[in-house]
Amino acid sequence: MKTNSTIVVLVTAKNKTEARKIAGELLKDKLIACANLVEGVESWFTWQGKTDHSTETLMMLKTQQRLFKKLVAKVQKLHSYQTPEIIALPIVEGSGDYLQWIDDVVTKE
């Protein structure tokens, strides 16, 4: 397995309930190996021409790059936001055992 095929996907949700629902569905579909939920993230942004802010729950999702498009489609289906944050960051280094675990757990499609 190549290290650069493993990614962390960041998704913000309106609250912990929504984040749990999304994470649970992604796990059920084997689109992610793990989700970390961080409550109380203060987000500041421009939306529809105005500066706005909210408190959200951040999801840090570990998966394989090959599953990103399916993950995006699933999140968009479940998410309450019109334009949810869904961004992927490469994992450039990591424990070999952990990276292998991610690859073993997610779908092989």
PDB file of N, CA and C in Angstrom:
ATOM      1  N   MET A   1       0.841  -1.186   0.000  1.00  0.00           N
ATOM      2  CA  MET A   1       0.000   0.000   0.000  1.00  0.00           C
ATOM      3  C   MET A   1       0.883   1.245   0.000  1.00  0.00           C
ATOM      4  N   LYS A   2       0.521   2.217  -0.819  1.00  0.00           N
ATOM      5  CA  LYS A   2       1.264   3.470  -0.866  1.00  0.00           C
ATOM      6  C   LYS A   2       0.688   4.432   0.158  1.00  0.00           C
ATOM      7  N   THR A   3       1.565   5.082   0.909  1.00  0.00           N
ATOM      8  CA  THR A   3       1.141   6.014   1.936  1.00  0.00           C
ATOM      9  C   THR A   3       0.270   7.128   1.358  1.00  0.00           C
ATOM     10  N   ASN A   4       0.589   7.605   0.160  1.00  0.00           N
ATOM     11  CA  ASN A   4      -0.139   8.756  -0.366  1.00  0.00           C
ATOM     12  C   ASN A   4      -1.560   8.425  -0.823  1.00  0.00           C
ATOM     13  N   SER A   5      -1.979   7.179  -0.746  1.00  0.00           N
ATOM     14  CA  SER A   5      -3.354   6.841  -1.108  1.00  0.00           C
ATOM     15  C   SER A   5      -4.305   6.984   0.078  1.00  0.00           C
ATOM     16  N   THR A   6      -3.758   7.179   1.270  1.00  0.00           N
ATOM     17  CA  THR A   6      -4.568   7.341   2.468  1.00  0.00           C
ATOM     18  C   THR A   6      -4.794   8.831   2.703  1.00  0.00           C
ATOM     19  N   ILE A   7      -6.061   9.197   2.995  1.00  0.00           N
ATOM     20  CA  ILE A   7      -6.402  10.608   3.168  1.00  0.00           C
ATOM     21  C   ILE A   7      -7.195  10.823   4.450  1.00  0.00           C
ATOM     22  N   VAL A   8      -7.183  12.070   4.899  1.00  0.00           N
ATOM     23  CA  VAL A   8      -8.066  12.528   5.967  1.00  0.00           C
ATOM     24  C   VAL A   8      -9.041  13.497   5.309  1.00  0.00           C
ATOM     25  N   VAL A   9     -10.328  13.251   5.504  1.00  0.00           N
ATOM     26  CA  VAL A   9     -11.349  14.123   4.941  1.00  0.00           C
ATOM     27  C   VAL A   9     -11.958  14.924   6.091  1.00  0.00           C
ATOM     28  N   LEU A  10     -11.986  16.238   5.929  1.00  0.00           N
ATOM     29  CA  LEU A  10     -12.574  17.127   6.924  1.00  0.00           C
ATOM     30  C   LEU A  10     -13.961  17.534   6.466  1.00  0.00           C
ATOM     31  N   VAL A  11     -14.929  17.349   7.348  1.00  0.00           N
ATOM     32  CA  VAL A  11     -16.318  17.727   7.082  1.00  0.00           C
ATOM     33  C   VAL A  11     -16.851  18.393   8.346  1.00  0.00           C
ATOM     34  N   THR A  12     -17.456  19.564   8.200  1.00  0.00           N
ATOM     35  CA  THR A  12     -18.117  20.188   9.341  1.00  0.00           C
ATOM     36  C   THR A  12     -19.616  19.911   9.248  1.00  0.00           C
ATOM     37  N   ALA A  13     -20.240  19.725  10.395  1.00  0.00           N
ATOM     38  CA  ALA A  13     -21.679  19.476  10.480  1.00  0.00           C
ATOM     39  C   ALA A  13     -22.292  20.481  11.440  1.00  0.00           C
ATOM     40  N   LYS A  14     -23.602  20.686  11.340  1.00  0.00           N
ATOM     41  CA  LYS A  14     -24.251  21.706  12.167  1.00  0.00           C
ATOM     42  C   LYS A  14     -24.236  21.352  13.647  1.00  0.00           C
ATOM     43  N   ASN A  15     -24.148  20.042  13.976  1.00  0.00           N
ATOM     44  CA  ASN A  15     -24.105  19.631  15.382  1.00  0.00           C
ATOM     45  C   ASN A  15     -23.637  18.176  15.485  1.00  0.00           C
ATOM     46  N   LYS A  16     -23.505  17.712  16.719  1.00  0.00           N
ATOM     47  CA  LYS A  16     -23.008  16.362  16.949  1.00  0.00           C
ATOM     48  C   LYS A  16     -23.979  15.304  16.430  1.00  0.00           C
ATOM     49  N   THR A  17     -25.256  15.561  16.523  1.00  0.00           N
ATOM     50  CA  THR A  17     -26.253  14.596  16.049  1.00  0.00           C
ATOM     51  C   THR A  17     -26.092  14.345  14.557  1.00  0.00           C
ATOM     52  N   GLU A  18     -25.980  15.426  13.799  1.00  0.00           N
ATOM     53  CA  GLU A  18     -25.794  15.277  12.357  1.00  0.00           C
ATOM     54  C   GLU A  18     -24.464  14.593  12.045  1.00  0.00           C
ATOM     55  N   ALA A  19     -23.406  14.968  12.742  1.00  0.00           N
ATOM     56  CA  ALA A  19     -22.087  14.363  12.520  1.00  0.00           C
ATOM     57  C   ALA A  19     -22.123  12.864  12.817  1.00  0.00           C
ATOM     58  N   ARG A  20     -22.784  12.481  13.898  1.00  0.00           N
ATOM     59  CA  ARG A  20     -22.887  11.052  14.232  1.00  0.00           C
ATOM     60  C   ARG A  20     -23.642  10.281  13.155  1.00  0.00           C
ATOM     61  N   LYS A  21     -24.710  10.873  12.650  1.00  0.00           N
ATOM     62  CA  LYS A  21     -25.499  10.220  11.594  1.00  0.00           C
ATOM     63  C   LYS A  21     -24.638   9.999  10.351  1.00  0.00           C
ATOM     64  N   ILE A  22     -23.949  11.042   9.926  1.00  0.00           N
ATOM     65  CA  ILE A  22     -23.109  10.946   8.726  1.00  0.00           C
ATOM     66  C   ILE A  22     -21.990   9.933   8.944  1.00  0.00           C
ATOM     67  N   ALA A  23     -21.290  10.027  10.066  1.00  0.00           N
ATOM     68  CA  ALA A  23     -20.189   9.099  10.347  1.00  0.00           C
ATOM     69  C   ALA A  23     -20.688   7.659  10.392  1.00  0.00           C
ATOM     70  N   GLY A  24     -21.826   7.433  11.027  1.00  0.00           N
ATOM     71  CA  GLY A  24     -22.376   6.087  11.112  1.00  0.00           C
ATOM     72  C   GLY A  24     -22.691   5.502   9.751  1.00  0.00           C
ATOM     73  N   GLU A  25     -23.276   6.304   8.872  1.00  0.00           N
ATOM     74  CA  GLU A  25     -23.604   5.828   7.527  1.00  0.00           C
ATOM     75  C   GLU A  25     -22.340   5.550   6.710  1.00  0.00           C
ATOM     76  N   LEU A  26     -21.332   6.413   6.849  1.00  0.00           N
ATOM     77  CA  LEU A  26     -20.076   6.195   6.126  1.00  0.00           C
ATOM     78  C   LEU A  26     -19.380   4.928   6.609  1.00  0.00           C
ATOM     79  N   LEU A  27     -19.419   4.678   7.909  1.00  0.00           N
ATOM     80  CA  LEU A  27     -18.842   3.444   8.457  1.00  0.00           C
ATOM     81  C   LEU A  27     -19.616   2.220   7.974  1.00  0.00           C
ATOM     82  N   LYS A  28     -20.931   2.308   7.998  1.00  0.00           N
ATOM     83  CA  LYS A  28     -21.778   1.192   7.562  1.00  0.00           C
ATOM     84  C   LYS A  28     -21.472   0.819   6.114  1.00  0.00           C
ATOM     85  N   ASP A  29     -21.256   1.835   5.274  1.00  0.00           N
ATOM     86  CA  ASP A  29     -20.967   1.607   3.858  1.00  0.00           C
ATOM     87  C   ASP A  29     -19.490   1.323   3.584  1.00  0.00           C
ATOM     88  N   LYS A  30     -18.682   1.283   4.641  1.00  0.00           N
ATOM     89  CA  LYS A  30     -17.239   1.026   4.545  1.00  0.00           C
ATOM     90  C   LYS A  30     -16.520   2.042   3.661  1.00  0.00           C
ATOM     91  N   LEU A  31     -17.008   3.275   3.711  1.00  0.00           N
ATOM     92  CA  LEU A  31     -16.346   4.351   2.985  1.00  0.00           C
ATOM     93  C   LEU A  31     -15.265   5.017   3.827  1.00  0.00           C
ATOM     94  N   ILE A  32     -15.294   4.772   5.130  1.00  0.00           N
ATOM     95  CA  ILE A  32     -14.253   5.272   6.033  1.00  0.00           C
ATOM     96  C   ILE A  32     -13.875   4.164   7.009  1.00  0.00           C
ATOM     97  N   ALA A  33     -12.687   4.295   7.567  1.00  0.00           N
ATOM     98  CA  ALA A  33     -12.241   3.362   8.607  1.00  0.00           C
ATOM     99  C   ALA A  33     -12.488   3.925   9.993  1.00  0.00           C
ATOM    100  N   CYS A  34     -12.506   5.261  10.090  1.00  0.00           N
ATOM    101  CA  CYS A  34     -12.575   5.903  11.400  1.00  0.00           C
ATOM    102  C   CYS A  34     -13.100   7.321  11.240  1.00  0.00           C
ATOM    103  N   ALA A  35     -13.834   7.776  12.251  1.00  0.00           N
ATOM    104  CA  ALA A  35     -14.291   9.167  12.298  1.00  0.00           C
ATOM    105  C   ALA A  35     -14.011   9.715  13.683  1.00  0.00           C
ATOM    106  N   ASN A  36     -13.340  10.840  13.738  1.00  0.00           N
ATOM    107  CA  ASN A  36     -13.171  11.579  14.991  1.00  0.00           C
ATOM    108  C   ASN A  36     -14.091  12.784  14.924  1.00  0.00           C
ATOM    109  N   LEU A  37     -14.885  12.987  15.970  1.00  0.00           N
ATOM    110  CA  LEU A  37     -15.817  14.110  16.020  1.00  0.00           C
ATOM    111  C   LEU A  37     -15.339  15.103  17.070  1.00  0.00           C
ATOM    112  N   VAL A  38     -15.193  16.345  16.667  1.00  0.00           N
ATOM    113  CA  VAL A  38     -14.713  17.396  17.554  1.00  0.00           C
ATOM    114  C   VAL A  38     -15.812  18.445  17.664  1.00  0.00           C
ATOM    115  N   GLU A  39     -16.443  18.500  18.824  1.00  0.00           N
ATOM    116  CA  GLU A  39     -17.526  19.466  19.057  1.00  0.00           C
ATOM    117  C   GLU A  39     -16.971  20.852  19.364  1.00  0.00           C
ATOM    118  N   GLY A  40     -17.815  21.849  19.119  1.00  0.00           N
ATOM    119  CA  GLY A  40     -17.493  23.203  19.546  1.00  0.00           C
ATOM    120  C   GLY A  40     -16.512  23.938  18.658  1.00  0.00           C
ATOM    121  N   VAL A  41     -16.380  23.527  17.399  1.00  0.00           N
ATOM    122  CA  VAL A  41     -15.498  24.225  16.477  1.00  0.00           C
ATOM    123  C   VAL A  41     -16.180  25.529  16.078  1.00  0.00           C
ATOM    124  N   GLU A  42     -15.496  26.637  16.275  1.00  0.00           N
ATOM    125  CA  GLU A  42     -16.037  27.941  15.902  1.00  0.00           C
ATOM    126  C   GLU A  42     -15.617  28.242  14.473  1.00  0.00           C
ATOM    127  N   SER A  43     -16.579  28.353  13.585  1.00  0.00           N
ATOM    128  CA  SER A  43     -16.306  28.594  12.170  1.00  0.00           C
ATOM    129  C   SER A  43     -16.738  30.007  11.786  1.00  0.00           C
ATOM    130  N   TRP A  44     -15.858  30.697  11.091  1.00  0.00           N
ATOM    131  CA  TRP A  44     -16.136  32.024  10.549  1.00  0.00           C
ATOM    132  C   TRP A  44     -15.991  31.925   9.041  1.00  0.00           C
ATOM    133  N   PHE A  45     -16.929  32.510   8.303  1.00  0.00           N
ATOM    134  CA  PHE A  45     -16.936  32.328   6.862  1.00  0.00           C
ATOM    135  C   PHE A  45     -17.760  33.426   6.191  1.00  0.00           C
ATOM    136  N   THR A  46     -17.608  33.533   4.874  1.00  0.00           N
ATOM    137  CA  THR A  46     -18.442  34.401   4.066  1.00  0.00           C
ATOM    138  C   THR A  46     -19.468  33.532   3.375  1.00  0.00           C
ATOM    139  N   TRP A  47     -20.737  33.866   3.530  1.00  0.00           N
ATOM    140  CA  TRP A  47     -21.816  33.114   2.890  1.00  0.00           C
ATOM    141  C   TRP A  47     -22.824  34.107   2.332  1.00  0.00           C
ATOM    142  N   GLN A  48     -23.108  33.981   1.054  1.00  0.00           N
ATOM    143  CA  GLN A  48     -24.054  34.841   0.355  1.00  0.00           C
ATOM    144  C   GLN A  48     -23.723  36.321   0.565  1.00  0.00           C
ATOM    145  N   GLY A  49     -22.424  36.620   0.463  1.00  0.00           N
ATOM    146  CA  GLY A  49     -21.956  37.995   0.523  1.00  0.00           C
ATOM    147  C   GLY A  49     -21.811  38.594   1.904  1.00  0.00           C
ATOM    148  N   LYS A  50     -22.093  37.812   2.954  1.00  0.00           N
ATOM    149  CA  LYS A  50     -22.010  38.329   4.317  1.00  0.00           C
ATOM    150  C   LYS A  50     -21.055  37.490   5.155  1.00  0.00           C
ATOM    151  N   THR A  51     -20.392  38.142   6.090  1.00  0.00           N
ATOM    152  CA  THR A  51     -19.575  37.418   7.053  1.00  0.00           C
ATOM    153  C   THR A  51     -20.508  36.797   8.083  1.00  0.00           C
ATOM    154  N   ASP A  52     -20.282  35.538   8.378  1.00  0.00           N
ATOM    155  CA  ASP A  52     -21.140  34.822   9.321  1.00  0.00           C
ATOM    156  C   ASP A  52     -20.263  33.922  10.177  1.00  0.00           C
ATOM    157  N   HIS A  53     -20.858  33.331  11.194  1.00  0.00           N
ATOM    158  CA  HIS A  53     -20.129  32.383  12.038  1.00  0.00           C
ATOM    159  C   HIS A  53     -21.118  31.428  12.680  1.00  0.00           C
ATOM    160  N   SER A  54     -20.608  30.278  13.075  1.00  0.00           N
ATOM    161  CA  SER A  54     -21.444  29.297  13.776  1.00  0.00           C
ATOM    162  C   SER A  54     -20.544  28.344  14.543  1.00  0.00           C
ATOM    163  N   THR A  55     -21.152  27.630  15.449  1.00  0.00           N
ATOM    164  CA  THR A  55     -20.456  26.569  16.165  1.00  0.00           C
ATOM    165  C   THR A  55     -20.862  25.254  15.514  1.00  0.00           C
ATOM    166  N   GLU A  56     -19.874  24.457  15.158  1.00  0.00           N
ATOM    167  CA  GLU A  56     -20.122  23.229  14.412  1.00  0.00           C
ATOM    168  C   GLU A  56     -19.382  22.057  15.063  1.00  0.00           C
ATOM    169  N   THR A  57     -19.635  20.879  14.518  1.00  0.00           N
ATOM    170  CA  THR A  57     -18.867  19.687  14.882  1.00  0.00           C
ATOM    171  C   THR A  57     -18.020  19.314  13.679  1.00  0.00           C
ATOM    172  N   LEU A  58     -16.733  19.174  13.904  1.00  0.00           N
ATOM    173  CA  LEU A  58     -15.793  18.804  12.847  1.00  0.00           C
ATOM    174  C   LEU A  58     -15.615  17.294  12.835  1.00  0.00           C
ATOM    175  N   MET A  59     -15.743  16.710  11.657  1.00  0.00           N
ATOM    176  CA  MET A  59     -15.450  15.284  11.475  1.00  0.00           C
ATOM    177  C   MET A  59     -14.107  15.153  10.767  1.00  0.00           C
ATOM    178  N   MET A  60     -13.263  14.306  11.320  1.00  0.00           N
ATOM    179  CA  MET A  60     -11.999  13.952  10.675  1.00  0.00           C
ATOM    180  C   MET A  60     -12.125  12.483  10.289  1.00  0.00           C
ATOM    181  N   LEU A  61     -12.234  12.238   8.993  1.00  0.00           N
ATOM    182  CA  LEU A  61     -12.539  10.910   8.472  1.00  0.00           C
ATOM    183  C   LEU A  61     -11.315  10.323   7.786  1.00  0.00           C
ATOM    184  N   LYS A  62     -10.974   9.081   8.138  1.00  0.00           N
ATOM    185  CA  LYS A  62      -9.816   8.430   7.530  1.00  0.00           C
ATOM    186  C   LYS A  62     -10.288   7.400   6.513  1.00  0.00           C
ATOM    187  N   THR A  63      -9.717   7.495   5.287  1.00  0.00           N
ATOM    188  CA  THR A  63     -10.137   6.619   4.202  1.00  0.00           C
ATOM    189  C   THR A  63      -9.058   6.536   3.133  1.00  0.00           C
ATOM    190  N   GLN A  64      -9.429   5.940   2.012  1.00  0.00           N
ATOM    191  CA  GLN A  64      -8.551   5.847   0.852  1.00  0.00           C
ATOM    192  C   GLN A  64      -9.021   6.836  -0.212  1.00  0.00           C
ATOM    193  N   GLN A  65      -8.072   7.413  -0.920  1.00  0.00           N
ATOM    194  CA  GLN A  65      -8.377   8.414  -1.945  1.00  0.00           C
ATOM    195  C   GLN A  65      -9.336   7.865  -2.993  1.00  0.00           C
ATOM    196  N   ARG A  66      -9.250   6.597  -3.315  1.00  0.00           N
ATOM    197  CA  ARG A  66     -10.105   5.991  -4.335  1.00  0.00           C
ATOM    198  C   ARG A  66     -11.584   6.027  -3.956  1.00  0.00           C
ATOM    199  N   LEU A  67     -11.900   6.240  -2.667  1.00  0.00           N
ATOM    200  CA  LEU A  67     -13.283   6.270  -2.198  1.00  0.00           C
ATOM    201  C   LEU A  67     -13.837   7.685  -2.039  1.00  0.00           C
ATOM    202  N   PHE A  68     -13.018   8.693  -2.349  1.00  0.00           N
ATOM    203  CA  PHE A  68     -13.410  10.081  -2.076  1.00  0.00           C
ATOM    204  C   PHE A  68     -14.701  10.487  -2.784  1.00  0.00           C
ATOM    205  N   LYS A  69     -14.845  10.189  -4.051  1.00  0.00           N
ATOM    206  CA  LYS A  69     -16.048  10.617  -4.784  1.00  0.00           C
ATOM    207  C   LYS A  69     -17.307   9.982  -4.206  1.00  0.00           C
ATOM    208  N   LYS A  70     -17.249   8.722  -3.830  1.00  0.00           N
ATOM    209  CA  LYS A  70     -18.404   8.062  -3.214  1.00  0.00           C
ATOM    210  C   LYS A  70     -18.704   8.670  -1.847  1.00  0.00           C
ATOM    211  N   LEU A  71     -17.655   8.986  -1.091  1.00  0.00           N
ATOM    212  CA  LEU A  71     -17.820   9.627   0.208  1.00  0.00           C
ATOM    213  C   LEU A  71     -18.504  10.981   0.049  1.00  0.00           C
ATOM    214  N   VAL A  72     -18.055  11.775  -0.906  1.00  0.00           N
ATOM    215  CA  VAL A  72     -18.648  13.092  -1.150  1.00  0.00           C
ATOM    216  C   VAL A  72     -20.128  12.950  -1.479  1.00  0.00           C
ATOM    217  N   ALA A  73     -20.470  12.036  -2.361  1.00  0.00           N
ATOM    218  CA  ALA A  73     -21.870  11.841  -2.746  1.00  0.00           C
ATOM    219  C   ALA A  73     -22.728  11.461  -1.541  1.00  0.00           C
ATOM    220  N   LYS A  74     -22.212  10.590  -0.686  1.00  0.00           N
ATOM    221  CA  LYS A  74     -22.964  10.162   0.497  1.00  0.00           C
ATOM    222  C   LYS A  74     -23.133  11.317   1.480  1.00  0.00           C
ATOM    223  N   VAL A  75     -22.061  12.065   1.737  1.00  0.00           N
ATOM    224  CA  VAL A  75     -22.148  13.201   2.664  1.00  0.00           C
ATOM    225  C   VAL A  75     -23.148  14.223   2.145  1.00  0.00           C
ATOM    226  N   GLN A  76     -23.088  14.542   0.864  1.00  0.00           N
ATOM    227  CA  GLN A  76     -24.013  15.525   0.305  1.00  0.00           C
ATOM    228  C   GLN A  76     -25.465  15.067   0.434  1.00  0.00           C
ATOM    229  N   LYS A  77     -25.700  13.784   0.325  1.00  0.00           N
ATOM    230  CA  LYS A  77     -27.055  13.235   0.455  1.00  0.00           C
ATOM    231  C   LYS A  77     -27.583  13.380   1.886  1.00  0.00           C
ATOM    232  N   LEU A  78     -26.698  13.217   2.876  1.00  0.00           N
ATOM    233  CA  LEU A  78     -27.096  13.207   4.283  1.00  0.00           C
ATOM    234  C   LEU A  78     -27.009  14.563   4.969  1.00  0.00           C
ATOM    235  N   HIS A  79     -26.245  15.473   4.413  1.00  0.00           N
ATOM    236  CA  HIS A  79     -25.902  16.733   5.072  1.00  0.00           C
ATOM    237  C   HIS A  79     -27.016  17.764   4.943  1.00  0.00           C
ATOM    238  N   SER A  80     -27.184  18.586   5.967  1.00  0.00           N
ATOM    239  CA  SER A  80     -28.219  19.623   5.945  1.00  0.00           C
ATOM    240  C   SER A  80     -27.761  20.902   5.237  1.00  0.00           C
ATOM    241  N   TYR A  81     -26.452  21.092   5.052  1.00  0.00           N
ATOM    242  CA  TYR A  81     -25.957  22.316   4.425  1.00  0.00           C
ATOM    243  C   TYR A  81     -26.110  22.242   2.910  1.00  0.00           C
ATOM    244  N   GLN A  82     -26.365  23.388   2.306  1.00  0.00           N
ATOM    245  CA  GLN A  82     -26.426  23.481   0.853  1.00  0.00           C
ATOM    246  C   GLN A  82     -25.056  23.193   0.236  1.00  0.00           C
ATOM    247  N   THR A  83     -24.007  23.715   0.872  1.00  0.00           N
ATOM    248  CA  THR A  83     -22.638  23.531   0.385  1.00  0.00           C
ATOM    249  C   THR A  83     -21.755  23.097   1.557  1.00  0.00           C
ATOM    250  N   PRO A  84     -21.789  21.811   1.908  1.00  0.00           N
ATOM    251  CA  PRO A  84     -20.976  21.371   3.050  1.00  0.00           C
ATOM    252  C   PRO A  84     -19.480  21.387   2.733  1.00  0.00           C
ATOM    253  N   GLU A  85     -18.712  21.635   3.769  1.00  0.00           N
ATOM    254  CA  GLU A  85     -17.254  21.517   3.648  1.00  0.00           C
ATOM    255  C   GLU A  85     -16.920  20.039   3.551  1.00  0.00           C
ATOM    256  N   ILE A  86     -16.263  19.663   2.461  1.00  0.00           N
ATOM    257  CA  ILE A  86     -15.763  18.298   2.294  1.00  0.00           C
ATOM    258  C   ILE A  86     -14.418  18.439   1.593  1.00  0.00           C
ATOM    259  N   ILE A  87     -13.345  18.390   2.362  1.00  0.00           N
ATOM    260  CA  ILE A  87     -12.006  18.548   1.778  1.00  0.00           C
ATOM    261  C   ILE A  87     -11.118  17.399   2.229  1.00  0.00           C
ATOM    262  N   ALA A  88     -10.207  17.010   1.357  1.00  0.00           N
ATOM    263  CA  ALA A  88      -9.309  15.897   1.658  1.00  0.00           C
ATOM    264  C   ALA A  88      -7.866  16.375   1.742  1.00  0.00           C
ATOM    265  N   LEU A  89      -7.167  15.834   2.719  1.00  0.00           N
ATOM    266  CA  LEU A  89      -5.750  16.113   2.907  1.00  0.00           C
ATOM    267  C   LEU A  89      -4.986  14.798   2.816  1.00  0.00           C
ATOM    268  N   PRO A  90      -3.859  14.779   2.121  1.00  0.00           N
ATOM    269  CA  PRO A  90      -3.091  13.536   2.050  1.00  0.00           C
ATOM    270  C   PRO A  90      -2.402  13.249   3.378  1.00  0.00           C
ATOM    271  N   ILE A  91      -2.266  11.991   3.686  1.00  0.00           N
ATOM    272  CA  ILE A  91      -1.429  11.575   4.814  1.00  0.00           C
ATOM    273  C   ILE A  91      -0.076  11.250   4.200  1.00  0.00           C
ATOM    274  N   VAL A  92       0.925  12.058   4.499  1.00  0.00           N
ATOM    275  CA  VAL A  92       2.231  11.871   3.869  1.00  0.00           C
ATOM    276  C   VAL A  92       3.092  10.870   4.613  1.00  0.00           C
ATOM    277  N   GLU A  93       2.825  10.680   5.866  1.00  0.00           N
ATOM    278  CA  GLU A  93       3.529   9.686   6.677  1.00  0.00           C
ATOM    279  C   GLU A  93       2.574   9.164   7.727  1.00  0.00           C
ATOM    280  N   GLY A  94       2.835   7.971   8.219  1.00  0.00           N
ATOM    281  CA  GLY A  94       2.007   7.404   9.277  1.00  0.00           C
ATOM    282  C   GLY A  94       2.519   6.036   9.662  1.00  0.00           C
ATOM    283  N   SER A  95       2.059   5.554  10.766  1.00  0.00           N
ATOM    284  CA  SER A  95       2.398   4.206  11.212  1.00  0.00           C
ATOM    285  C   SER A  95       1.942   3.211  10.153  1.00  0.00           C
ATOM    286  N   GLY A  96       2.825   2.356   9.724  1.00  0.00           N
ATOM    287  CA  GLY A  96       2.493   1.356   8.717  1.00  0.00           C
ATOM    288  C   GLY A  96       1.319   0.490   9.120  1.00  0.00           C
ATOM    289  N   ASP A  97       1.284   0.085  10.388  1.00  0.00           N
ATOM    290  CA  ASP A  97       0.178  -0.748  10.874  1.00  0.00           C
ATOM    291  C   ASP A  97      -1.151   0.000  10.807  1.00  0.00           C
ATOM    292  N   TYR A  98      -1.157   1.274  11.179  1.00  0.00           N
ATOM    293  CA  TYR A  98      -2.391   2.061  11.149  1.00  0.00           C
ATOM    294  C   TYR A  98      -2.870   2.269   9.721  1.00  0.00           C
ATOM    295  N   LEU A  99      -1.957   2.621   8.828  1.00  0.00           N
ATOM    296  CA  LEU A  99      -2.330   2.834   7.435  1.00  0.00           C
ATOM    297  C   LEU A  99      -2.847   1.544   6.806  1.00  0.00           C
ATOM    298  N   GLN A 100      -2.247   0.429   7.158  1.00  0.00           N
ATOM    299  CA  GLN A 100      -2.718  -0.860   6.647  1.00  0.00           C
ATOM    300  C   GLN A 100      -4.104  -1.169   7.185  1.00  0.00           C
ATOM    301  N   TRP A 101      -4.348  -0.845   8.461  1.00  0.00           N
ATOM    302  CA  TRP A 101      -5.665  -1.063   9.057  1.00  0.00           C
ATOM    303  C   TRP A 101      -6.732  -0.291   8.293  1.00  0.00           C
ATOM    304  N   ILE A 102      -6.447   0.971   7.958  1.00  0.00           N
ATOM    305  CA  ILE A 102      -7.408   1.762   7.187  1.00  0.00           C
ATOM    306  C   ILE A 102      -7.724   1.056   5.867  1.00  0.00           C
ATOM    307  N   ASP A 103      -6.691   0.616   5.174  1.00  0.00           N
ATOM    308  CA  ASP A 103      -6.883  -0.047   3.894  1.00  0.00           C
ATOM    309  C   ASP A 103      -7.664  -1.354   4.051  1.00  0.00           C
ATOM    310  N   ASP A 104      -7.411  -2.077   5.126  1.00  0.00           N
ATOM    311  CA  ASP A 104      -8.101  -3.351   5.365  1.00  0.00           C
ATOM    312  C   ASP A 104      -9.584  -3.176   5.675  1.00  0.00           C
ATOM    313  N   VAL A 105      -9.948  -2.062   6.332  1.00  0.00           N
ATOM    314  CA  VAL A 105     -11.305  -1.861   6.837  1.00  0.00           C
ATOM    315  C   VAL A 105     -12.260  -1.321   5.776  1.00  0.00           C
ATOM    316  N   VAL A 106     -11.769  -0.452   4.893  1.00  0.00           N
ATOM    317  CA  VAL A 106     -12.668   0.175   3.925  1.00  0.00           C
ATOM    318  C   VAL A 106     -12.982  -0.781   2.769  1.00  0.00           C
ATOM    319  N   THR A 107     -14.029  -0.435   2.027  1.00  0.00           N
ATOM    320  CA  THR A 107     -14.473  -1.274   0.906  1.00  0.00           C
ATOM    321  C   THR A 107     -13.377  -1.457  -0.143  1.00  0.00           C
ATOM    322  N   LYS A 108     -13.396  -2.579  -0.795  1.00  0.00           N
ATOM    323  CA  LYS A 108     -12.371  -2.876  -1.806  1.00  0.00           C
ATOM    324  C   LYS A 108     -12.859  -2.579  -3.222  1.00  0.00           C
ATOM    325  N   GLU A 109     -13.994  -1.932  -3.380  1.00  0.00           N
ATOM    326  CA  GLU A 109     -14.561  -1.611  -4.706  1.00  0.00           C
ATOM    327  C   GLU A 109     -13.585  -0.852  -5.553  1.00  0.00           C
TER     328      GLU A 109
END
